[in-house]
Amino acid sequence: LGYYLIKDDQGSVLDPLTGELLTPGDDGYRSAALNQLNQASELTNLTGNDSPSTNWLIEDLKEDELIAPYVQVIDNHRLNTFFSFDDANPGGFSHFKNLGVNSYGVDVNFDGKPADYKDLMIALTFPEL
């Protein structure tokens, strides 16, 4: 699980090589989104170690930054990356489902089975300012 910086609610990312904005589905989107310059540093490579509940304290996120999640799954020795923006995923398949305020479920299946969005459940809580 990780988070990357986006520029708008459509999921646009800044291509670090050209300075152009790329939208989900554009060639190069995956590479740009996963580039170190677009990673929300404290929110990269989060793992739950098969625990039913894991907590992280994040202190470096800036108030005006927009972030979006992605998950990476290894299947048959192949790394698959799934984004919360459907057009960024192979076949435009939805792997994230909103379950409420700051909560979502993730489905990592890509074998044609109906999605249940229970492979990973994520709930974010923020301290009062």
N, C-alpha and C. Protein backbone atom coordinates (compact mmCIF):
# COMPACT_ATOMS: atom_id res chain seq x y z
N LEU A 1 0.85 -1.18 0.00
CA LEU A 1 0.00 0.00 0.00
C LEU A 1 0.89 1.23 0.00
N GLY A 2 0.53 2.17 -0.82
CA GLY A 2 1.25 3.43 -0.84
C GLY A 2 0.34 4.54 -1.33
N TYR A 3 0.82 5.75 -1.22
CA TYR A 3 0.07 6.92 -1.68
C TYR A 3 0.99 7.77 -2.55
N TYR A 4 0.40 8.38 -3.57
CA TYR A 4 1.15 9.25 -4.45
C TYR A 4 0.44 10.59 -4.55
N LEU A 5 1.21 11.61 -4.92
CA LEU A 5 0.68 12.97 -5.02
C LEU A 5 -0.07 13.15 -6.33
N ILE A 6 -1.26 13.71 -6.23
CA ILE A 6 -2.03 14.03 -7.43
C ILE A 6 -2.27 15.54 -7.46
N LYS A 7 -2.56 16.05 -8.63
CA LYS A 7 -2.73 17.49 -8.82
C LYS A 7 -4.18 17.95 -8.80
N ASP A 8 -5.13 17.00 -9.00
CA ASP A 8 -6.54 17.37 -9.02
C ASP A 8 -7.38 16.13 -8.70
N ASP A 9 -8.69 16.32 -8.61
CA ASP A 9 -9.56 15.20 -8.24
C ASP A 9 -9.78 14.21 -9.39
N GLN A 10 -9.19 14.47 -10.54
CA GLN A 10 -9.23 13.53 -11.67
C GLN A 10 -8.04 12.57 -11.63
N GLY A 11 -7.10 12.79 -10.69
CA GLY A 11 -5.95 11.91 -10.55
C GLY A 11 -4.75 12.29 -11.39
N SER A 12 -4.72 13.49 -11.92
CA SER A 12 -3.58 13.91 -12.75
C SER A 12 -2.30 13.93 -11.92
N VAL A 13 -1.20 13.51 -12.55
CA VAL A 13 0.11 13.55 -11.92
C VAL A 13 1.08 14.32 -12.80
N LEU A 14 2.09 14.86 -12.16
CA LEU A 14 3.12 15.59 -12.89
C LEU A 14 4.16 14.59 -13.39
N ASP A 15 4.39 14.58 -14.69
CA ASP A 15 5.43 13.73 -15.25
C ASP A 15 6.77 14.37 -14.89
N PRO A 16 7.59 13.69 -14.09
CA PRO A 16 8.85 14.30 -13.65
C PRO A 16 9.86 14.49 -14.78
N LEU A 17 9.67 13.82 -15.90
CA LEU A 17 10.61 13.96 -17.02
C LEU A 17 10.26 15.13 -17.93
N THR A 18 8.95 15.35 -18.16
CA THR A 18 8.53 16.38 -19.12
C THR A 18 7.89 17.60 -18.46
N GLY A 19 7.43 17.45 -17.21
CA GLY A 19 6.72 18.53 -16.54
C GLY A 19 5.26 18.62 -16.96
N GLU A 20 4.82 17.73 -17.83
CA GLU A 20 3.43 17.70 -18.30
C GLU A 20 2.54 16.98 -17.30
N LEU A 21 1.26 17.33 -17.29
CA LEU A 21 0.29 16.61 -16.48
C LEU A 21 -0.21 15.39 -17.25
N LEU A 22 -0.22 14.26 -16.59
CA LEU A 22 -0.75 13.03 -17.17
C LEU A 22 -2.00 12.64 -16.39
N THR A 23 -3.02 12.19 -17.10
CA THR A 23 -4.25 11.73 -16.45
C THR A 23 -4.30 10.20 -16.50
N PRO A 24 -5.07 9.59 -15.59
CA PRO A 24 -5.17 8.13 -15.62
C PRO A 24 -5.57 7.65 -17.01
N GLY A 25 -4.87 6.65 -17.48
CA GLY A 25 -5.09 6.12 -18.82
C GLY A 25 -4.08 6.61 -19.83
N ASP A 26 -3.40 7.73 -19.53
CA ASP A 26 -2.35 8.23 -20.44
C ASP A 26 -1.14 7.31 -20.41
N ASP A 27 -0.45 7.22 -21.56
CA ASP A 27 0.82 6.50 -21.58
C ASP A 27 1.77 7.15 -20.59
N GLY A 28 2.44 6.36 -19.80
CA GLY A 28 3.41 6.87 -18.84
C GLY A 28 2.83 7.22 -17.48
N TYR A 29 1.50 7.09 -17.32
CA TYR A 29 0.88 7.46 -16.04
C TYR A 29 1.43 6.63 -14.89
N ARG A 30 1.46 5.30 -15.06
CA ARG A 30 1.93 4.42 -13.98
C ARG A 30 3.33 4.79 -13.55
N SER A 31 4.22 4.95 -14.50
CA SER A 31 5.61 5.28 -14.21
C SER A 31 5.72 6.62 -13.49
N ALA A 32 4.97 7.61 -13.96
CA ALA A 32 5.01 8.94 -13.33
C ALA A 32 4.44 8.89 -11.92
N ALA A 33 3.32 8.20 -11.74
CA ALA A 33 2.68 8.13 -10.42
C ALA A 33 3.59 7.45 -9.40
N LEU A 34 4.33 6.44 -9.84
CA LEU A 34 5.20 5.69 -8.93
C LEU A 34 6.60 6.28 -8.82
N ASN A 35 6.88 7.33 -9.57
CA ASN A 35 8.19 7.97 -9.49
C ASN A 35 8.39 8.54 -8.08
N GLN A 36 9.58 8.43 -7.59
CA GLN A 36 9.92 8.90 -6.24
C GLN A 36 9.48 10.34 -5.99
N LEU A 37 9.54 11.19 -7.01
CA LEU A 37 9.16 12.59 -6.84
C LEU A 37 7.66 12.78 -6.61
N ASN A 38 6.86 11.78 -6.99
CA ASN A 38 5.41 11.87 -6.80
C ASN A 38 4.92 11.03 -5.62
N GLN A 39 5.82 10.43 -4.89
CA GLN A 39 5.41 9.61 -3.75
C GLN A 39 5.19 10.47 -2.52
N ALA A 40 4.13 10.16 -1.77
CA ALA A 40 3.92 10.77 -0.46
C ALA A 40 4.83 10.00 0.48
N SER A 41 6.00 10.54 0.76
CA SER A 41 7.13 9.80 1.33
C SER A 41 6.79 8.93 2.54
N GLU A 42 6.07 9.44 3.51
CA GLU A 42 5.76 8.63 4.69
C GLU A 42 4.66 7.61 4.43
N LEU A 43 4.04 7.70 3.28
CA LEU A 43 2.92 6.82 2.95
C LEU A 43 3.27 5.87 1.81
N THR A 44 4.51 5.47 1.75
CA THR A 44 4.97 4.57 0.70
C THR A 44 5.41 3.26 1.33
N ASN A 45 5.10 2.16 0.68
CA ASN A 45 5.48 0.82 1.12
C ASN A 45 4.93 0.48 2.51
N LEU A 46 3.68 0.85 2.76
CA LEU A 46 3.04 0.48 4.01
C LEU A 46 2.61 -0.98 3.92
N THR A 47 2.89 -1.73 4.95
CA THR A 47 2.49 -3.14 4.99
C THR A 47 1.80 -3.42 6.31
N GLY A 48 0.92 -4.38 6.28
CA GLY A 48 0.19 -4.74 7.48
C GLY A 48 0.66 -6.03 8.10
N ASN A 49 1.62 -6.70 7.47
CA ASN A 49 2.16 -7.95 8.00
C ASN A 49 1.07 -8.95 8.36
N ASP A 50 0.04 -9.06 7.53
CA ASP A 50 -1.08 -9.98 7.73
C ASP A 50 -1.80 -9.76 9.05
N SER A 51 -1.67 -8.58 9.60
CA SER A 51 -2.36 -8.25 10.85
C SER A 51 -3.77 -7.76 10.53
N PRO A 52 -4.74 -8.07 11.40
CA PRO A 52 -6.09 -7.57 11.14
C PRO A 52 -6.21 -6.05 11.29
N SER A 53 -5.26 -5.44 11.99
CA SER A 53 -5.30 -3.99 12.16
C SER A 53 -3.88 -3.47 12.34
N THR A 54 -3.53 -2.46 11.58
CA THR A 54 -2.21 -1.84 11.67
C THR A 54 -2.39 -0.34 11.68
N ASN A 55 -1.64 0.34 12.53
CA ASN A 55 -1.73 1.79 12.63
C ASN A 55 -0.39 2.41 12.26
N TRP A 56 -0.45 3.53 11.56
CA TRP A 56 0.74 4.31 11.25
C TRP A 56 0.49 5.73 11.68
N LEU A 57 1.50 6.38 12.20
CA LEU A 57 1.42 7.79 12.54
C LEU A 57 2.14 8.56 11.44
N ILE A 58 1.43 9.40 10.75
CA ILE A 58 1.97 10.18 9.65
C ILE A 58 2.02 11.63 10.09
N GLU A 59 3.19 12.22 10.03
CA GLU A 59 3.33 13.59 10.51
C GLU A 59 3.75 14.59 9.44
N ASP A 60 4.20 14.11 8.28
CA ASP A 60 4.77 15.01 7.27
C ASP A 60 3.82 15.41 6.15
N LEU A 61 2.59 14.97 6.17
CA LEU A 61 1.67 15.29 5.09
C LEU A 61 1.27 16.75 5.19
N LYS A 62 1.41 17.46 4.07
CA LYS A 62 1.06 18.88 4.05
C LYS A 62 -0.44 19.05 3.85
N GLU A 63 -0.98 20.05 4.47
CA GLU A 63 -2.43 20.29 4.46
C GLU A 63 -2.99 20.47 3.05
N ASP A 64 -2.21 21.05 2.14
CA ASP A 64 -2.73 21.34 0.80
C ASP A 64 -2.39 20.26 -0.23
N GLU A 65 -1.79 19.15 0.18
CA GLU A 65 -1.44 18.08 -0.76
C GLU A 65 -2.63 17.16 -0.99
N LEU A 66 -2.81 16.77 -2.24
CA LEU A 66 -3.80 15.76 -2.60
C LEU A 66 -3.06 14.45 -2.82
N ILE A 67 -3.58 13.37 -2.25
CA ILE A 67 -2.94 12.07 -2.40
C ILE A 67 -3.97 11.05 -2.85
N ALA A 68 -3.49 9.99 -3.47
CA ALA A 68 -4.35 8.88 -3.90
C ALA A 68 -3.61 7.57 -3.59
N PRO A 69 -4.37 6.53 -3.24
CA PRO A 69 -3.73 5.25 -2.90
C PRO A 69 -3.47 4.36 -4.12
N TYR A 70 -2.53 3.46 -3.92
CA TYR A 70 -2.30 2.37 -4.86
C TYR A 70 -1.89 1.15 -4.06
N VAL A 71 -2.09 -0.02 -4.61
CA VAL A 71 -1.61 -1.25 -3.99
C VAL A 71 -0.77 -2.00 -5.01
N GLN A 72 0.21 -2.72 -4.50
CA GLN A 72 1.04 -3.56 -5.35
C GLN A 72 0.96 -4.98 -4.82
N VAL A 73 0.69 -5.91 -5.75
CA VAL A 73 0.48 -7.30 -5.41
C VAL A 73 1.35 -8.15 -6.33
N ILE A 74 2.01 -9.14 -5.76
CA ILE A 74 2.79 -10.07 -6.57
C ILE A 74 1.95 -11.32 -6.80
N ASP A 75 1.75 -11.65 -8.07
CA ASP A 75 0.99 -12.83 -8.45
C ASP A 75 1.78 -13.55 -9.53
N ASN A 76 2.05 -14.83 -9.30
CA ASN A 76 2.84 -15.62 -10.26
C ASN A 76 4.15 -14.93 -10.61
N HIS A 77 4.83 -14.42 -9.61
CA HIS A 77 6.13 -13.75 -9.75
C HIS A 77 6.06 -12.48 -10.58
N ARG A 78 4.87 -11.90 -10.70
CA ARG A 78 4.69 -10.67 -11.47
C ARG A 78 4.10 -9.59 -10.56
N LEU A 79 4.72 -8.41 -10.58
CA LEU A 79 4.24 -7.30 -9.77
C LEU A 79 3.10 -6.58 -10.50
N ASN A 80 1.96 -6.49 -9.84
CA ASN A 80 0.80 -5.78 -10.39
C ASN A 80 0.52 -4.57 -9.51
N THR A 81 0.27 -3.44 -10.14
CA THR A 81 -0.05 -2.21 -9.41
C THR A 81 -1.47 -1.80 -9.77
N PHE A 82 -2.27 -1.53 -8.74
CA PHE A 82 -3.65 -1.11 -8.93
C PHE A 82 -3.85 0.26 -8.29
N PHE A 83 -4.49 1.14 -9.04
CA PHE A 83 -4.72 2.51 -8.60
C PHE A 83 -6.19 2.72 -8.25
N SER A 84 -6.46 3.78 -7.51
CA SER A 84 -7.84 4.09 -7.15
C SER A 84 -8.59 4.74 -8.31
N PHE A 85 -7.88 5.16 -9.34
CA PHE A 85 -8.51 5.70 -10.54
C PHE A 85 -8.61 4.58 -11.57
N ASP A 86 -9.83 4.19 -11.90
CA ASP A 86 -10.07 3.02 -12.75
C ASP A 86 -9.32 3.07 -14.07
N ASP A 87 -9.27 4.24 -14.71
CA ASP A 87 -8.62 4.34 -16.02
C ASP A 87 -7.12 4.07 -15.97
N ALA A 88 -6.53 4.10 -14.80
CA ALA A 88 -5.11 3.82 -14.66
C ALA A 88 -4.84 2.32 -14.55
N ASN A 89 -5.89 1.52 -14.38
CA ASN A 89 -5.74 0.08 -14.22
C ASN A 89 -5.94 -0.65 -15.54
N PRO A 90 -5.29 -1.81 -15.69
CA PRO A 90 -5.50 -2.60 -16.90
C PRO A 90 -6.99 -2.89 -17.10
N GLY A 91 -7.49 -2.63 -18.28
CA GLY A 91 -8.89 -2.86 -18.58
C GLY A 91 -9.84 -1.87 -17.94
N GLY A 92 -9.31 -0.85 -17.25
CA GLY A 92 -10.16 0.13 -16.59
C GLY A 92 -10.95 -0.43 -15.42
N PHE A 93 -10.47 -1.57 -14.88
CA PHE A 93 -11.18 -2.25 -13.81
C PHE A 93 -11.06 -1.49 -12.48
N SER A 94 -12.13 -1.46 -11.72
CA SER A 94 -12.15 -0.80 -10.42
C SER A 94 -11.60 -1.74 -9.34
N HIS A 95 -10.56 -1.30 -8.64
CA HIS A 95 -9.99 -2.09 -7.56
C HIS A 95 -10.24 -1.47 -6.20
N PHE A 96 -10.75 -0.25 -6.15
CA PHE A 96 -11.03 0.46 -4.90
C PHE A 96 -12.51 0.81 -4.86
N LYS A 97 -13.10 0.69 -3.65
CA LYS A 97 -14.50 1.06 -3.48
C LYS A 97 -14.64 1.90 -2.21
N ASN A 98 -15.30 3.04 -2.34
CA ASN A 98 -15.54 3.90 -1.19
C ASN A 98 -16.51 3.19 -0.25
N LEU A 99 -16.12 3.08 1.04
CA LEU A 99 -16.97 2.43 2.03
C LEU A 99 -17.51 3.42 3.05
N GLY A 100 -17.23 4.69 2.85
CA GLY A 100 -17.66 5.72 3.79
C GLY A 100 -16.61 6.80 3.87
N VAL A 101 -16.77 7.71 4.80
CA VAL A 101 -15.84 8.83 4.95
C VAL A 101 -14.43 8.29 5.26
N ASN A 102 -13.48 8.59 4.39
CA ASN A 102 -12.08 8.19 4.55
C ASN A 102 -11.89 6.69 4.73
N SER A 103 -12.78 5.89 4.19
CA SER A 103 -12.68 4.43 4.29
C SER A 103 -12.92 3.81 2.91
N TYR A 104 -12.16 2.79 2.60
CA TYR A 104 -12.37 2.11 1.33
C TYR A 104 -11.89 0.68 1.40
N GLY A 105 -12.46 -0.12 0.52
CA GLY A 105 -12.07 -1.51 0.38
C GLY A 105 -11.32 -1.69 -0.93
N VAL A 106 -10.45 -2.68 -0.95
CA VAL A 106 -9.62 -2.94 -2.12
C VAL A 106 -9.83 -4.39 -2.57
N ASP A 107 -9.96 -4.59 -3.85
CA ASP A 107 -10.05 -5.92 -4.43
C ASP A 107 -8.86 -6.09 -5.37
N VAL A 108 -8.05 -7.10 -5.12
CA VAL A 108 -6.85 -7.29 -5.93
C VAL A 108 -6.99 -8.41 -6.96
N ASN A 109 -8.19 -8.93 -7.10
CA ASN A 109 -8.41 -9.98 -8.10
C ASN A 109 -8.44 -9.37 -9.49
N PHE A 110 -7.89 -10.08 -10.42
CA PHE A 110 -7.93 -9.65 -11.81
C PHE A 110 -8.16 -10.86 -12.70
N ASP A 111 -8.88 -11.82 -12.13
CA ASP A 111 -9.12 -13.06 -12.85
C ASP A 111 -10.56 -13.18 -13.37
N GLY A 112 -11.28 -12.06 -13.38
CA GLY A 112 -12.63 -12.06 -13.89
C GLY A 112 -13.70 -12.38 -12.86
N LYS A 113 -13.31 -12.74 -11.64
CA LYS A 113 -14.29 -13.01 -10.59
C LYS A 113 -14.91 -11.69 -10.14
N PRO A 114 -16.16 -11.74 -9.67
CA PRO A 114 -16.79 -10.51 -9.16
C PRO A 114 -15.99 -9.93 -7.99
N ALA A 115 -15.84 -8.63 -7.99
CA ALA A 115 -15.08 -7.95 -6.94
C ALA A 115 -15.88 -7.91 -5.64
N ASP A 116 -15.20 -8.18 -4.52
CA ASP A 116 -15.86 -8.07 -3.23
C ASP A 116 -15.27 -6.94 -2.38
N TYR A 117 -14.14 -6.40 -2.79
CA TYR A 117 -13.49 -5.27 -2.12
C TYR A 117 -13.20 -5.55 -0.65
N LYS A 118 -12.84 -6.81 -0.36
CA LYS A 118 -12.53 -7.20 1.02
C LYS A 118 -11.10 -7.70 1.18
N ASP A 119 -10.30 -7.59 0.13
CA ASP A 119 -8.92 -8.05 0.23
C ASP A 119 -8.10 -7.17 1.16
N LEU A 120 -8.44 -5.90 1.19
CA LEU A 120 -7.78 -4.94 2.08
C LEU A 120 -8.80 -3.87 2.42
N MET A 121 -8.95 -3.59 3.69
CA MET A 121 -9.87 -2.55 4.15
C MET A 121 -9.01 -1.44 4.78
N ILE A 122 -9.27 -0.21 4.35
CA ILE A 122 -8.46 0.92 4.80
C ILE A 122 -9.38 2.00 5.37
N ALA A 123 -9.04 2.48 6.57
CA ALA A 123 -9.78 3.59 7.17
C ALA A 123 -8.75 4.58 7.67
N LEU A 124 -8.90 5.82 7.26
CA LEU A 124 -8.00 6.88 7.67
C LEU A 124 -8.67 7.75 8.73
N THR A 125 -7.93 8.07 9.76
CA THR A 125 -8.43 9.00 10.77
C THR A 125 -7.41 10.13 10.90
N PHE A 126 -7.91 11.31 11.11
CA PHE A 126 -7.05 12.48 11.19
C PHE A 126 -7.27 13.17 12.54
N PRO A 127 -6.19 13.63 13.15
CA PRO A 127 -6.36 14.34 14.43
C PRO A 127 -7.04 15.67 14.24
N GLU A 128 -7.71 16.11 15.28
CA GLU A 128 -8.32 17.45 15.25
C GLU A 128 -7.20 18.48 15.21
N LEU A 129 -7.40 19.52 14.42
CA LEU A 129 -6.39 20.59 14.33
C LEU A 129 -6.72 21.71 15.29
